[in-house]
Amino acid sequence: MSVNQFIRYLKTERRSSVHTVLAYQKDIQNFSAFLKEQFELDSPENASMEMVRSWIVELMDRKLSPGSVNRKISSLKAYYNYLLKYGIIKKTPMQNIHSLKRGSSLPVYVDQDKMNTLLREMLPGDNFAALRDRLVILILYATGIRLNELITLKTESIDFSGNRLKVVGKRNKERIIPFSVEMKKEMQAYMEVKGKAFPTAGEWLIVTNKGEKAYPRLIYRIVHNALTGYTATRKSPHVLRHTFATHLMNNGASLNAIKDLLGHVDLSATQIYTHTSIEQLKSIYSQAHPRAYLKKEVNYES
């Protein structure tokens, strides 16, 4: 029962995104199944710290990445903090449970020249699907908004006179993001075709081929198809968010400005893009400077 109450709490009080709620729910259900199988415990409310640690060990034995394990630890911490807050338990088993150390990895992004080529070659055409698919890529790259922020973007949130979007992010926080004249024209062209094809489509900007609100898998498919051939690793909406931030950093934008545009609460979350910028500088230096790497050792003996 407490798990269901926690899920309602996430939806109604914390106003967590659909993806966050589903992730937490899945993690807690998996932990509950582990407790039932290994310890014959019916309720996660009665789990001990040793039981939590046993689960973490099992996850590591299954070769889950530190990032995946840490996400599950975060889910349990949120759940037990909720139980503690409402007096359902007196002590949390997560008190001495710490996240796993993970190697720092640079975000995957698309090179600026490749991104320009992608947008040139991804012609909008004159049909609804082509206009929508191009607009999805353009919005994600030109504004850096998250997948859920794109899906929940409403037409009324677009200020065409001021060329800016009002985005509702995590914890229901709003932020304003400017957009270019080019994107304004493409949004207007898309909305005109959308209005004719689906006059009763409703408030959502991005809709399916049936005029219904877009869903995550549709956006993933559009992005995956667009990025194929432009990045060899990940091809997800978040790659375009990383690309947006990296290109801003490489072209002189301040870290604080990027933080505000991305909707980060803490500057530390944005600082990873400084490392990306440094890596790019190192690459340029190694390719361009005549003495970056000596072709052969100089023999000083006569």
Protein backbone atom coordinates (compact mmCIF):
# COMPACT_ATOMS: atom_id res chain seq x y z
CA MET A 1 0.00 0.00 0.00
CA SER A 2 2.81 2.44 0.88
CA VAL A 3 4.30 2.07 -2.60
CA ASN A 4 1.03 3.16 -4.21
CA GLN A 5 0.80 6.10 -1.81
CA PHE A 6 4.36 7.10 -2.70
CA ILE A 7 3.57 7.01 -6.42
CA ARG A 8 0.51 9.23 -5.86
CA TYR A 9 2.71 11.57 -3.81
CA LEU A 10 5.19 11.85 -6.71
CA LYS A 11 2.39 12.62 -9.16
CA THR A 12 0.31 15.05 -7.11
CA GLU A 13 2.62 16.77 -4.62
CA ARG A 14 6.05 16.65 -6.22
CA ARG A 15 4.62 16.85 -9.74
CA SER A 16 7.36 14.57 -11.02
CA SER A 17 7.51 13.81 -14.73
CA VAL A 18 5.89 10.66 -16.10
CA HIS A 19 9.33 9.17 -16.78
CA THR A 20 10.52 9.81 -13.22
CA VAL A 21 7.39 8.26 -11.73
CA LEU A 22 7.66 5.16 -13.92
CA ALA A 23 11.36 4.76 -13.14
CA TYR A 24 10.81 5.03 -9.37
CA GLN A 25 7.87 2.65 -9.52
CA LYS A 26 9.83 0.05 -11.50
CA ASP A 27 12.87 0.28 -9.21
CA ILE A 28 10.81 -0.13 -6.03
CA GLN A 29 8.84 -3.01 -7.53
CA ASN A 30 12.09 -4.77 -8.48
CA PHE A 31 13.45 -4.23 -4.97
CA SER A 32 10.22 -5.57 -3.48
CA ALA A 33 10.45 -8.69 -5.67
CA PHE A 34 14.06 -9.18 -4.51
CA LEU A 35 13.00 -8.92 -0.86
CA LYS A 36 10.22 -11.46 -1.42
CA GLU A 37 12.50 -13.93 -3.20
CA GLN A 38 15.60 -13.62 -1.03
CA PHE A 39 14.21 -12.81 2.42
CA GLU A 40 10.52 -13.79 2.21
CA LEU A 41 9.67 -10.20 3.13
CA ASP A 42 6.32 -8.97 1.87
CA SER A 43 6.75 -5.26 2.51
CA PRO A 44 9.73 -3.02 1.65
CA GLU A 45 8.80 -0.89 4.66
CA ASN A 46 10.48 -3.50 6.87
CA ALA A 47 13.72 -3.81 4.87
CA SER A 48 17.04 -3.41 6.64
CA MET A 49 20.25 -1.75 5.50
CA GLU A 50 21.82 -5.19 4.98
CA MET A 51 18.97 -6.16 2.65
CA VAL A 52 19.47 -3.00 0.60
CA ARG A 53 23.19 -3.72 0.36
CA SER A 54 22.47 -7.29 -0.75
CA TRP A 55 20.31 -5.92 -3.56
CA ILE A 56 23.05 -3.50 -4.66
CA VAL A 57 25.56 -6.38 -4.73
CA GLU A 58 23.17 -8.39 -6.90
CA LEU A 59 22.76 -5.47 -9.29
CA MET A 60 26.54 -5.16 -9.58
CA ASP A 61 26.85 -8.92 -10.16
CA ARG A 62 24.40 -8.48 -13.05
CA LYS A 63 26.92 -6.02 -14.56
CA LEU A 64 24.66 -2.98 -14.33
CA SER A 65 26.52 0.28 -14.85
CA PRO A 66 27.26 2.47 -11.80
CA GLY A 67 24.87 5.06 -13.25
CA SER A 68 22.01 2.54 -13.40
CA VAL A 69 22.69 1.29 -9.87
CA ASN A 70 22.87 4.86 -8.57
CA ARG A 71 19.52 5.66 -10.12
CA LYS A 72 17.97 2.71 -8.26
CA ILE A 73 19.62 3.84 -5.03
CA SER A 74 18.11 7.30 -5.58
CA SER A 75 14.68 5.72 -6.08
CA LEU A 76 14.93 3.88 -2.77
CA LYS A 77 16.20 6.97 -0.95
CA ALA A 78 13.25 8.99 -2.20
CA TYR A 79 10.84 6.22 -1.19
CA TYR A 80 12.21 5.78 2.32
CA ASN A 81 12.46 9.55 2.87
CA TYR A 82 8.76 9.68 2.05
CA LEU A 83 8.01 6.92 4.57
CA LEU A 84 10.09 8.73 7.17
CA LYS A 85 8.42 12.07 6.48
CA TYR A 86 4.92 10.68 7.03
CA GLY A 87 5.83 8.60 10.06
CA ILE A 88 5.33 5.23 8.38
CA ILE A 89 8.85 4.18 9.46
CA LYS A 90 11.06 5.53 12.26
CA LYS A 91 14.43 4.85 10.65
CA THR A 92 15.51 4.64 7.02
CA PRO A 93 17.65 1.72 5.86
CA MET A 94 19.32 4.11 3.38
CA GLN A 95 21.13 6.11 6.05
CA ASN A 96 24.56 4.63 5.33
CA ILE A 97 23.97 3.69 1.69
CA HIS A 98 26.12 5.73 -0.67
CA SER A 99 26.14 6.04 -4.44
CA LEU A 100 28.75 4.10 -6.39
CA LYS A 101 31.74 5.93 -7.76
CA ARG A 102 31.53 6.36 -11.50
CA GLY A 103 34.11 7.40 -14.00
CA SER A 104 33.51 10.86 -15.41
CA SER A 105 32.44 10.69 -19.03
CA LEU A 106 32.02 13.55 -21.43
CA PRO A 107 28.53 14.04 -22.89
CA VAL A 108 27.92 12.74 -26.40
CA TYR A 109 27.20 15.54 -28.86
CA VAL A 110 27.14 16.19 -32.60
CA ASP A 111 29.96 18.21 -34.14
CA GLN A 112 28.85 21.70 -35.19
CA ASP A 113 29.65 21.21 -38.88
CA LYS A 114 27.82 17.89 -38.89
CA MET A 115 24.82 19.48 -37.19
CA ASN A 116 24.68 22.19 -39.84
CA THR A 117 24.89 19.52 -42.56
CA LEU A 118 22.12 17.49 -40.90
CA LEU A 119 19.76 20.47 -40.84
CA ARG A 120 20.60 21.36 -44.46
CA GLU A 121 19.96 17.82 -45.64
CA MET A 122 16.87 17.22 -43.51
CA LEU A 123 14.59 19.16 -45.83
CA PRO A 124 11.15 19.85 -44.36
CA GLY A 125 9.21 19.00 -47.52
CA ASP A 126 5.60 20.07 -47.68
CA ASN A 127 3.83 17.31 -45.74
CA PHE A 128 2.96 17.24 -42.07
CA ALA A 129 5.29 14.42 -40.94
CA ALA A 130 8.36 15.90 -42.65
CA LEU A 131 7.68 19.37 -41.22
CA ARG A 132 7.12 17.94 -37.75
CA ASP A 133 10.22 15.73 -37.77
CA ARG A 134 12.48 18.58 -38.82
CA LEU A 135 10.89 20.90 -36.25
CA VAL A 136 11.47 18.31 -33.49
CA ILE A 137 15.20 18.22 -34.31
CA LEU A 138 15.41 21.99 -34.66
CA ILE A 139 13.65 22.71 -31.34
CA LEU A 140 15.73 20.19 -29.39
CA TYR A 141 18.96 21.53 -30.85
CA ALA A 142 18.08 25.24 -30.85
CA THR A 143 16.63 25.38 -27.33
CA GLY A 144 18.18 22.44 -25.44
CA ILE A 145 14.87 21.47 -23.86
CA ARG A 146 14.32 18.00 -22.43
CA LEU A 147 12.25 15.26 -24.03
CA ASN A 148 9.33 15.69 -21.61
CA GLU A 149 9.48 19.49 -21.99
CA LEU A 150 9.09 19.09 -25.75
CA ILE A 151 6.19 16.66 -25.45
CA THR A 152 4.32 18.95 -23.03
CA LEU A 153 5.06 22.14 -24.98
CA LYS A 154 1.81 23.94 -25.76
CA THR A 155 1.13 26.26 -28.65
CA GLU A 156 0.04 28.96 -26.19
CA SER A 157 3.55 28.86 -24.68
CA ILE A 158 5.04 30.25 -27.89
CA ASP A 159 5.48 34.01 -28.05
CA PHE A 160 5.99 34.76 -31.74
CA SER A 161 6.15 38.51 -31.22
CA GLY A 162 9.04 38.14 -28.77
CA ASN A 163 10.58 35.01 -30.35
CA ARG A 164 10.63 33.01 -27.13
CA LEU A 165 9.24 29.85 -25.54
CA LYS A 166 7.89 29.36 -22.03
CA VAL A 167 9.02 25.91 -20.93
CA VAL A 168 7.76 24.02 -17.89
CA GLY A 169 10.67 21.97 -16.54
CA LYS A 170 11.38 19.76 -13.56
CA ARG A 171 9.50 20.49 -10.34
CA ASN A 172 7.07 22.53 -12.46
CA LYS A 173 9.59 25.37 -12.80
CA GLU A 174 9.13 27.71 -15.74
CA ARG A 175 11.90 29.27 -17.81
CA ILE A 176 11.98 31.42 -20.93
CA ILE A 177 14.10 30.40 -23.93
CA PRO A 178 14.62 32.62 -26.99
CA PHE A 179 14.49 31.23 -30.51
CA SER A 180 15.67 32.41 -33.91
CA VAL A 181 13.74 33.93 -36.79
CA GLU A 182 14.48 30.75 -38.75
CA MET A 183 12.79 28.59 -36.13
CA LYS A 184 9.88 31.02 -35.94
CA LYS A 185 9.24 30.57 -39.68
CA GLU A 186 9.48 26.79 -39.44
CA MET A 187 7.13 26.64 -36.44
CA GLN A 188 4.59 28.81 -38.22
CA ALA A 189 4.80 26.70 -41.38
CA TYR A 190 4.35 23.52 -39.34
CA MET A 191 1.44 24.94 -37.35
CA GLU A 192 -0.33 26.02 -40.53
CA VAL A 193 -0.11 22.50 -42.01
CA LYS A 194 -0.98 20.94 -38.65
CA GLY A 195 -4.06 23.17 -38.33
CA LYS A 196 -5.34 22.07 -41.74
CA ALA A 197 -4.60 18.38 -41.18
CA PHE A 198 -5.88 18.23 -37.59
CA PRO A 199 -8.21 21.17 -36.85
CA THR A 200 -9.13 19.65 -33.46
CA ALA A 201 -5.61 18.54 -32.45
CA GLY A 202 -5.74 20.56 -29.24
CA GLU A 203 -3.14 22.50 -27.29
CA TRP A 204 0.01 20.42 -27.86
CA LEU A 205 2.59 21.69 -30.33
CA ILE A 206 4.04 18.34 -31.38
CA VAL A 207 1.47 15.72 -32.34
CA THR A 208 1.42 12.29 -33.94
CA ASN A 209 0.35 11.43 -37.48
CA LYS A 210 -3.16 11.09 -36.05
CA GLY A 211 -3.14 14.52 -34.42
CA GLU A 212 -2.71 13.19 -30.89
CA LYS A 213 -0.20 14.32 -28.26
CA ALA A 214 3.31 13.05 -29.04
CA TYR A 215 4.80 10.28 -26.91
CA PRO A 216 8.44 9.51 -26.00
CA ARG A 217 8.97 6.62 -28.42
CA LEU A 218 7.89 8.77 -31.37
CA ILE A 219 10.41 11.48 -30.47
CA TYR A 220 13.15 8.89 -29.92
CA ARG A 221 12.42 7.39 -33.34
CA ILE A 222 12.53 10.78 -35.06
CA VAL A 223 15.83 11.68 -33.39
CA HIS A 224 17.39 8.26 -33.97
CA ASN A 225 16.58 8.39 -37.68
CA ALA A 226 17.91 11.94 -37.99
CA LEU A 227 21.18 11.33 -36.11
CA THR A 228 22.04 8.07 -37.88
CA GLY A 229 25.28 8.76 -39.72
CA TYR A 230 26.10 11.83 -37.63
CA THR A 231 27.05 10.16 -34.34
CA ALA A 232 28.41 6.68 -33.88
CA THR A 233 27.25 6.21 -30.29
CA ARG A 234 24.01 7.45 -28.74
CA LYS A 235 21.18 8.83 -30.86
CA SER A 236 18.71 10.23 -28.34
CA PRO A 237 16.96 13.56 -27.62
CA HIS A 238 19.45 14.16 -24.79
CA VAL A 239 22.31 14.10 -27.31
CA LEU A 240 20.76 17.18 -28.92
CA ARG A 241 20.50 18.83 -25.49
CA HIS A 242 24.21 18.15 -24.99
CA THR A 243 24.89 19.45 -28.49
CA PHE A 244 23.01 22.68 -27.77
CA ALA A 245 25.01 23.32 -24.58
CA THR A 246 28.36 22.30 -26.05
CA HIS A 247 28.00 24.53 -29.10
CA LEU A 248 27.01 27.46 -26.88
CA MET A 249 30.08 26.89 -24.70
CA ASN A 250 32.41 26.53 -27.69
CA ASN A 251 31.10 29.77 -29.16
CA GLY A 252 31.67 31.85 -26.05
CA ALA A 253 28.45 31.66 -24.00
CA SER A 254 28.89 32.02 -20.25
CA LEU A 255 28.35 29.03 -17.97
CA ASN A 256 25.63 30.89 -16.06
CA ALA A 257 23.72 31.64 -19.26
CA ILE A 258 23.88 27.98 -20.32
CA LYS A 259 22.75 26.94 -16.82
CA ASP A 260 19.66 29.15 -17.05
CA LEU A 261 18.80 28.01 -20.57
CA LEU A 262 19.09 24.33 -19.60
CA GLY A 263 17.08 24.84 -16.43
CA HIS A 264 19.79 23.49 -14.13
CA VAL A 265 19.35 24.30 -10.45
CA ASP A 266 23.05 24.01 -9.64
CA LEU A 267 25.97 25.31 -11.68
CA SER A 268 27.87 22.08 -11.02
CA ALA A 269 25.49 20.23 -13.35
CA THR A 270 26.47 22.59 -16.17
CA GLN A 271 30.22 22.46 -15.61
CA ILE A 272 30.65 19.23 -17.56
CA TYR A 273 30.39 21.31 -20.73
CA THR A 274 33.57 23.18 -19.80
CA HIS A 275 35.36 19.83 -19.98
CA THR A 276 33.88 19.21 -23.42
CA SER A 277 35.14 22.60 -24.53
CA ILE A 278 38.61 21.85 -23.17
CA GLU A 279 38.67 18.51 -24.99
CA GLN A 280 37.80 20.27 -28.23
CA LEU A 281 40.58 22.80 -27.70
CA LYS A 282 43.04 19.97 -27.05
CA SER A 283 41.93 18.28 -30.28
CA ILE A 284 42.31 21.49 -32.30
CA TYR A 285 45.71 22.12 -30.76
CA SER A 286 46.96 18.62 -31.52
CA GLN A 287 45.89 18.92 -35.14
CA ALA A 288 46.91 22.51 -35.81
CA HIS A 289 50.01 23.34 -33.80
CA PRO A 290 53.26 22.35 -35.59
CA ARG A 291 54.90 21.21 -32.35
CA ALA A 292 51.93 19.58 -30.67
CA TYR A 293 53.31 16.16 -31.52
CA LEU A 294 56.82 15.76 -32.91
CA LYS A 295 56.89 13.47 -35.91
CA LYS A 296 60.26 12.11 -34.93
CA GLU A 297 62.74 12.51 -32.15
CA VAL A 298 65.39 15.09 -32.70
CA ASN A 299 68.91 13.71 -32.51
CA TYR A 300 71.12 16.24 -30.79
CA GLU A 301 74.27 14.15 -31.20
CA SER A 302 76.54 15.22 -34.04
